[in-house]
Amino acid sequence: SVISQQVSVLSIQVVSVISLHNALSVRVDTISANFSVLSAGFGTVQMRWVSTAQGISSTAAGGAAISGLSLSLAAGGIYQVEGALLVFHSVLDAFGVAAVFPAMTFAAGAMTGAGLNAQGTSVVRGTFDEGGSTSIFYSVIVSAVSTLVHKFNAMLQVSTAGTFVLNARVSAATKPSNILAGSFLRAYRIV
């Protein structure tokens, strides 16, 4: 009789433990599902960089593609793109940047950096929108040999799938600028 009572008490405790286990399993499944939704919200990330210095001597209106800084964009995707160009500039040189991209529903981008002139350092900013593909949107004049960083940021909603590339140009082929290793573009697909 005593053993029977203890078995009954044990059975109740086992049922209680099973019930707690089931509740915990439901909670873990819910957390797992929420984490999956959260992870999906981060979207995919593309990271591109310049692995060795690249001389830019193009004087073409839209510049020349910067090797390694090319992103693949899917139709309908919304992307946040950021990056930086670390550039060694020649003396008395004008340096320009263009973004080349497929048709966009919307695009808004900007590059900010510093220029060096006789008066000292100045902040330079250039912007583009969905109609600005292949146009120089950022231009800086440097009056002394220097290494400067130019930071890039954009939001894009892609209409037609394609490639996003940063191009660069200089004012004279005899005064090239060098895009240094470590310059990069990083794109986060939001949707």
C-alpha atoms as a PDB file:
ATOM      1  CA  SER A   1       0.000   0.000   0.000  1.00  0.00           C
ATOM      2  CA  VAL A   2       2.854   2.414   0.910  1.00  0.00           C
ATOM      3  CA  ILE A   3       4.687   1.465  -2.270  1.00  0.00           C
ATOM      4  CA  SER A   4       1.515   1.942  -4.266  1.00  0.00           C
ATOM      5  CA  GLN A   5       1.092   5.445  -2.821  1.00  0.00           C
ATOM      6  CA  GLN A   6       4.706   6.299  -3.630  1.00  0.00           C
ATOM      7  CA  VAL A   7       4.256   5.018  -7.179  1.00  0.00           C
ATOM      8  CA  SER A   8       1.141   7.222  -7.518  1.00  0.00           C
ATOM      9  CA  VAL A   9       3.068  10.256  -6.227  1.00  0.00           C
ATOM     10  CA  LEU A  10       5.910   9.426  -8.606  1.00  0.00           C
ATOM     11  CA  SER A  11       3.460   9.093 -11.500  1.00  0.00           C
ATOM     12  CA  ILE A  12       2.030  12.518 -10.743  1.00  0.00           C
ATOM     13  CA  GLN A  13       5.549  13.973 -10.627  1.00  0.00           C
ATOM     14  CA  VAL A  14       6.462  12.291 -13.946  1.00  0.00           C
ATOM     15  CA  VAL A  15       3.293  13.694 -15.549  1.00  0.00           C
ATOM     16  CA  SER A  16       4.221  17.113 -14.172  1.00  0.00           C
ATOM     17  CA  VAL A  17       7.771  16.833 -15.571  1.00  0.00           C
ATOM     18  CA  ILE A  18       6.403  15.711 -18.959  1.00  0.00           C
ATOM     19  CA  SER A  19       3.999  18.654 -18.938  1.00  0.00           C
ATOM     20  CA  LEU A  20       6.867  21.062 -18.142  1.00  0.00           C
ATOM     21  CA  HIS A  21       8.991  19.460 -20.867  1.00  0.00           C
ATOM     22  CA  ASN A  22       6.201  19.897 -23.422  1.00  0.00           C
ATOM     23  CA  ALA A  23       5.692  23.541 -22.403  1.00  0.00           C
ATOM     24  CA  LEU A  24       9.437  24.127 -22.673  1.00  0.00           C
ATOM     25  CA  SER A  25       9.503  22.483 -26.119  1.00  0.00           C
ATOM     26  CA  VAL A  26       6.728  24.794 -27.303  1.00  0.00           C
ATOM     27  CA  ARG A  27       8.657  27.779 -25.945  1.00  0.00           C
ATOM     28  CA  VAL A  28      11.884  26.655 -27.679  1.00  0.00           C
ATOM     29  CA  ASP A  29       9.994  26.164 -30.975  1.00  0.00           C
ATOM     30  CA  THR A  30       8.499  29.659 -30.650  1.00  0.00           C
ATOM     31  CA  ILE A  31      11.899  31.205 -29.929  1.00  0.00           C
ATOM     32  CA  SER A  32      13.425  29.284 -32.844  1.00  0.00           C
ATOM     33  CA  ALA A  33      10.686  30.479 -35.217  1.00  0.00           C
ATOM     34  CA  ASN A  34      11.105  34.073 -34.024  1.00  0.00           C
ATOM     35  CA  PHE A  35      14.864  33.854 -34.491  1.00  0.00           C
ATOM     36  CA  SER A  36      14.362  32.565 -38.049  1.00  0.00           C
ATOM     37  CA  VAL A  37      12.114  35.534 -38.835  1.00  0.00           C
ATOM     38  CA  LEU A  38      14.633  37.911 -37.273  1.00  0.00           C
ATOM     39  CA  SER A  39      17.530  36.347 -39.192  1.00  0.00           C
ATOM     40  CA  ALA A  40      15.597  36.569 -42.454  1.00  0.00           C
ATOM     41  CA  GLY A  41      15.098  40.270 -41.727  1.00  0.00           C
ATOM     42  CA  PHE A  42      18.850  40.820 -41.789  1.00  0.00           C
ATOM     43  CA  GLY A  43      18.881  39.768 -45.432  1.00  0.00           C
ATOM     44  CA  THR A  44      21.932  38.722 -47.339  1.00  0.00           C
ATOM     45  CA  VAL A  45      25.239  40.565 -47.186  1.00  0.00           C
ATOM     46  CA  GLN A  46      27.728  41.083 -49.997  1.00  0.00           C
ATOM     47  CA  MET A  47      31.229  42.299 -49.204  1.00  0.00           C
ATOM     48  CA  ARG A  48      33.580  43.396 -51.995  1.00  0.00           C
ATOM     49  CA  TRP A  49      37.022  44.949 -51.635  1.00  0.00           C
ATOM     50  CA  VAL A  50      40.109  46.042 -53.498  1.00  0.00           C
ATOM     51  CA  SER A  51      42.820  43.449 -52.860  1.00  0.00           C
ATOM     52  CA  THR A  52      45.767  45.257 -54.504  1.00  0.00           C
ATOM     53  CA  ALA A  53      46.247  48.936 -55.323  1.00  0.00           C
ATOM     54  CA  GLN A  54      44.675  49.976 -58.616  1.00  0.00           C
ATOM     55  CA  GLY A  55      45.916  52.970 -60.592  1.00  0.00           C
ATOM     56  CA  ILE A  56      43.171  55.160 -62.045  1.00  0.00           C
ATOM     57  CA  SER A  57      44.285  57.195 -65.059  1.00  0.00           C
ATOM     58  CA  SER A  58      40.974  57.289 -66.969  1.00  0.00           C
ATOM     59  CA  THR A  59      39.771  60.721 -68.039  1.00  0.00           C
ATOM     60  CA  ALA A  60      36.564  59.306 -69.615  1.00  0.00           C
ATOM     61  CA  ALA A  61      33.360  61.121 -68.654  1.00  0.00           C
ATOM     62  CA  GLY A  62      32.040  58.175 -66.605  1.00  0.00           C
ATOM     63  CA  GLY A  63      35.465  56.994 -65.412  1.00  0.00           C
ATOM     64  CA  ALA A  64      36.681  53.394 -65.277  1.00  0.00           C
ATOM     65  CA  ALA A  65      35.382  50.583 -63.065  1.00  0.00           C
ATOM     66  CA  ILE A  66      37.243  50.117 -59.795  1.00  0.00           C
ATOM     67  CA  SER A  67      38.373  46.487 -59.765  1.00  0.00           C
ATOM     68  CA  GLY A  68      36.649  44.397 -57.119  1.00  0.00           C
ATOM     69  CA  LEU A  69      33.914  46.916 -56.234  1.00  0.00           C
ATOM     70  CA  SER A  70      31.001  45.250 -58.031  1.00  0.00           C
ATOM     71  CA  LEU A  71      27.734  44.168 -56.356  1.00  0.00           C
ATOM     72  CA  SER A  72      24.987  41.906 -57.776  1.00  0.00           C
ATOM     73  CA  LEU A  73      21.480  43.321 -57.342  1.00  0.00           C
ATOM     74  CA  ALA A  74      18.213  41.377 -57.675  1.00  0.00           C
ATOM     75  CA  ALA A  75      15.065  42.896 -59.198  1.00  0.00           C
ATOM     76  CA  GLY A  76      12.712  44.161 -56.495  1.00  0.00           C
ATOM     77  CA  GLY A  77      15.432  44.074 -53.842  1.00  0.00           C
ATOM     78  CA  ILE A  78      16.010  46.954 -51.461  1.00  0.00           C
ATOM     79  CA  TYR A  79      19.650  47.404 -50.471  1.00  0.00           C
ATOM     80  CA  GLN A  80      21.634  49.545 -48.083  1.00  0.00           C
ATOM     81  CA  VAL A  81      25.146  49.978 -49.490  1.00  0.00           C
ATOM     82  CA  GLU A  82      28.113  51.441 -47.654  1.00  0.00           C
ATOM     83  CA  GLY A  83      31.806  51.622 -48.295  1.00  0.00           C
ATOM     84  CA  ALA A  84      34.998  53.607 -48.352  1.00  0.00           C
ATOM     85  CA  LEU A  85      37.671  54.403 -50.894  1.00  0.00           C
ATOM     86  CA  LEU A  86      41.165  54.854 -49.545  1.00  0.00           C
ATOM     87  CA  VAL A  87      42.912  56.831 -52.292  1.00  0.00           C
ATOM     88  CA  PHE A  88      46.455  58.064 -52.815  1.00  0.00           C
ATOM     89  CA  HIS A  89      46.080  61.287 -54.812  1.00  0.00           C
ATOM     90  CA  SER A  90      48.637  62.944 -57.081  1.00  0.00           C
ATOM     91  CA  VAL A  91      49.448  66.617 -56.630  1.00  0.00           C
ATOM     92  CA  LEU A  92      47.078  69.109 -58.289  1.00  0.00           C
ATOM     93  CA  ASP A  93      44.688  66.392 -59.324  1.00  0.00           C
ATOM     94  CA  ALA A  94      40.924  66.315 -59.654  1.00  0.00           C
ATOM     95  CA  PHE A  95      39.401  62.946 -58.713  1.00  0.00           C
ATOM     96  CA  GLY A  96      35.809  61.952 -59.510  1.00  0.00           C
ATOM     97  CA  VAL A  97      33.512  59.015 -58.717  1.00  0.00           C
ATOM     98  CA  ALA A  98      30.472  57.709 -60.605  1.00  0.00           C
ATOM     99  CA  ALA A  99      28.032  54.960 -59.667  1.00  0.00           C
ATOM    100  CA  VAL A 100      26.952  52.650 -62.494  1.00  0.00           C
ATOM    101  CA  PHE A 101      23.762  50.675 -61.876  1.00  0.00           C
ATOM    102  CA  PRO A 102      20.676  49.128 -63.554  1.00  0.00           C
ATOM    103  CA  ALA A 103      17.205  50.707 -63.572  1.00  0.00           C
ATOM    104  CA  MET A 104      16.070  51.658 -60.065  1.00  0.00           C
ATOM    105  CA  THR A 105      12.664  52.325 -58.560  1.00  0.00           C
ATOM    106  CA  PHE A 106      14.534  54.703 -56.273  1.00  0.00           C
ATOM    107  CA  ALA A 107      18.156  55.374 -55.443  1.00  0.00           C
ATOM    108  CA  ALA A 108      19.732  57.872 -53.092  1.00  0.00           C
ATOM    109  CA  GLY A 109      23.447  57.880 -52.460  1.00  0.00           C
ATOM    110  CA  ALA A 110      26.212  60.123 -51.204  1.00  0.00           C
ATOM    111  CA  MET A 111      29.970  60.210 -50.886  1.00  0.00           C
ATOM    112  CA  THR A 112      31.769  62.384 -48.364  1.00  0.00           C
ATOM    113  CA  GLY A 113      35.470  63.056 -48.036  1.00  0.00           C
ATOM    114  CA  ALA A 114      38.135  65.683 -47.731  1.00  0.00           C
ATOM    115  CA  GLY A 115      39.944  67.798 -50.259  1.00  0.00           C
ATOM    116  CA  LEU A 116      43.282  69.537 -49.712  1.00  0.00           C
ATOM    117  CA  ASN A 117      43.809  72.972 -51.206  1.00  0.00           C
ATOM    118  CA  ALA A 118      45.877  76.081 -50.507  1.00  0.00           C
ATOM    119  CA  GLN A 119      43.405  77.074 -47.782  1.00  0.00           C
ATOM    120  CA  GLY A 120      43.670  73.718 -45.991  1.00  0.00           C
ATOM    121  CA  THR A 121      41.312  70.777 -45.714  1.00  0.00           C
ATOM    122  CA  SER A 122      37.735  71.074 -46.934  1.00  0.00           C
ATOM    123  CA  VAL A 123      34.809  68.666 -46.630  1.00  0.00           C
ATOM    124  CA  VAL A 124      33.418  67.555 -49.967  1.00  0.00           C
ATOM    125  CA  ARG A 125      30.056  65.847 -50.512  1.00  0.00           C
ATOM    126  CA  GLY A 126      28.380  64.571 -53.647  1.00  0.00           C
ATOM    127  CA  THR A 127      25.000  62.868 -54.149  1.00  0.00           C
ATOM    128  CA  PHE A 128      23.104  60.891 -56.794  1.00  0.00           C
ATOM    129  CA  ASP A 129      19.587  59.570 -57.340  1.00  0.00           C
ATOM    130  CA  GLU A 130      17.935  56.926 -59.558  1.00  0.00           C
ATOM    131  CA  GLY A 131      18.674  58.967 -62.712  1.00  0.00           C
ATOM    132  CA  GLY A 132      22.380  59.372 -61.974  1.00  0.00           C
ATOM    133  CA  SER A 133      23.909  56.165 -63.306  1.00  0.00           C
ATOM    134  CA  THR A 134      27.326  56.727 -65.000  1.00  0.00           C
ATOM    135  CA  SER A 135      27.444  60.443 -64.071  1.00  0.00           C
ATOM    136  CA  ILE A 136      30.265  61.765 -61.887  1.00  0.00           C
ATOM    137  CA  PHE A 137      28.469  62.629 -58.644  1.00  0.00           C
ATOM    138  CA  TYR A 138      31.508  63.246 -56.428  1.00  0.00           C
ATOM    139  CA  SER A 139      34.569  65.301 -57.303  1.00  0.00           C
ATOM    140  CA  VAL A 140      37.455  66.508 -55.190  1.00  0.00           C
ATOM    141  CA  ILE A 141      40.536  68.555 -56.024  1.00  0.00           C
ATOM    142  CA  VAL A 142      43.732  67.773 -54.174  1.00  0.00           C
ATOM    143  CA  SER A 143      46.608  70.291 -54.197  1.00  0.00           C
ATOM    144  CA  ALA A 144      49.165  68.115 -52.399  1.00  0.00           C
ATOM    145  CA  VAL A 145      50.223  64.505 -52.582  1.00  0.00           C
ATOM    146  CA  SER A 146      48.039  62.820 -49.974  1.00  0.00           C
ATOM    147  CA  THR A 147      46.121  59.733 -48.966  1.00  0.00           C
ATOM    148  CA  LEU A 148      42.472  60.464 -48.239  1.00  0.00           C
ATOM    149  CA  VAL A 149      39.400  58.401 -47.402  1.00  0.00           C
ATOM    150  CA  HIS A 150      36.110  58.945 -49.247  1.00  0.00           C
ATOM    151  CA  LYS A 151      33.060  57.360 -47.553  1.00  0.00           C
ATOM    152  CA  PHE A 152      30.051  56.058 -49.493  1.00  0.00           C
ATOM    153  CA  ASN A 153      26.462  55.320 -48.423  1.00  0.00           C
ATOM    154  CA  ALA A 154      23.306  54.595 -50.466  1.00  0.00           C
ATOM    155  CA  MET A 155      19.792  53.131 -50.362  1.00  0.00           C
ATOM    156  CA  LEU A 156      18.596  51.400 -53.526  1.00  0.00           C
ATOM    157  CA  GLN A 157      15.360  49.765 -54.653  1.00  0.00           C
ATOM    158  CA  VAL A 158      16.185  47.783 -57.759  1.00  0.00           C
ATOM    159  CA  SER A 159      13.762  47.746 -60.693  1.00  0.00           C
ATOM    160  CA  THR A 160      15.850  45.625 -63.096  1.00  0.00           C
ATOM    161  CA  ALA A 161      18.405  43.066 -61.893  1.00  0.00           C
ATOM    162  CA  GLY A 162      21.993  43.980 -62.612  1.00  0.00           C
ATOM    163  CA  THR A 163      25.321  45.104 -61.221  1.00  0.00           C
ATOM    164  CA  PHE A 164      26.259  48.103 -59.089  1.00  0.00           C
ATOM    165  CA  VAL A 165      29.819  49.356 -59.690  1.00  0.00           C
ATOM    166  CA  LEU A 166      31.824  52.368 -58.545  1.00  0.00           C
ATOM    167  CA  ASN A 167      33.866  54.046 -61.296  1.00  0.00           C
ATOM    168  CA  ALA A 168      36.622  56.630 -60.857  1.00  0.00           C
ATOM    169  CA  ARG A 169      38.357  59.205 -63.049  1.00  0.00           C
ATOM    170  CA  VAL A 170      41.120  61.784 -62.843  1.00  0.00           C
ATOM    171  CA  SER A 171      41.558  65.155 -64.566  1.00  0.00           C
ATOM    172  CA  ALA A 172      44.758  64.191 -66.400  1.00  0.00           C
ATOM    173  CA  ALA A 173      46.070  60.752 -67.349  1.00  0.00           C
ATOM    174  CA  THR A 174      49.542  61.920 -66.295  1.00  0.00           C
ATOM    175  CA  LYS A 175      48.280  62.422 -62.719  1.00  0.00           C
ATOM    176  CA  PRO A 176      46.752  59.075 -61.735  1.00  0.00           C
ATOM    177  CA  SER A 177      45.215  58.305 -58.361  1.00  0.00           C
ATOM    178  CA  ASN A 178      45.630  54.933 -56.704  1.00  0.00           C
ATOM    179  CA  ILE A 179      42.683  53.123 -55.101  1.00  0.00           C
ATOM    180  CA  LEU A 180      44.408  51.354 -52.214  1.00  0.00           C
ATOM    181  CA  ALA A 181      43.878  47.819 -50.912  1.00  0.00           C
ATOM    182  CA  GLY A 182      41.150  47.671 -48.289  1.00  0.00           C
ATOM    183  CA  SER A 183      38.796  50.023 -50.113  1.00  0.00           C
ATOM    184  CA  PHE A 184      35.408  48.277 -49.954  1.00  0.00           C
ATOM    185  CA  LEU A 185      31.687  48.122 -50.689  1.00  0.00           C
ATOM    186  CA  ARG A 186      29.247  46.245 -48.464  1.00  0.00           C
ATOM    187  CA  ALA A 187      25.580  45.710 -49.380  1.00  0.00           C
ATOM    188  CA  TYR A 188      22.811  44.533 -47.068  1.00  0.00           C
ATOM    189  CA  ARG A 189      19.686  43.253 -48.785  1.00  0.00           C
ATOM    190  CA  ILE A 190      16.808  44.493 -46.635  1.00  0.00           C
ATOM    191  CA  VAL A 191      13.919  42.998 -48.632  1.00  0.00           C
END
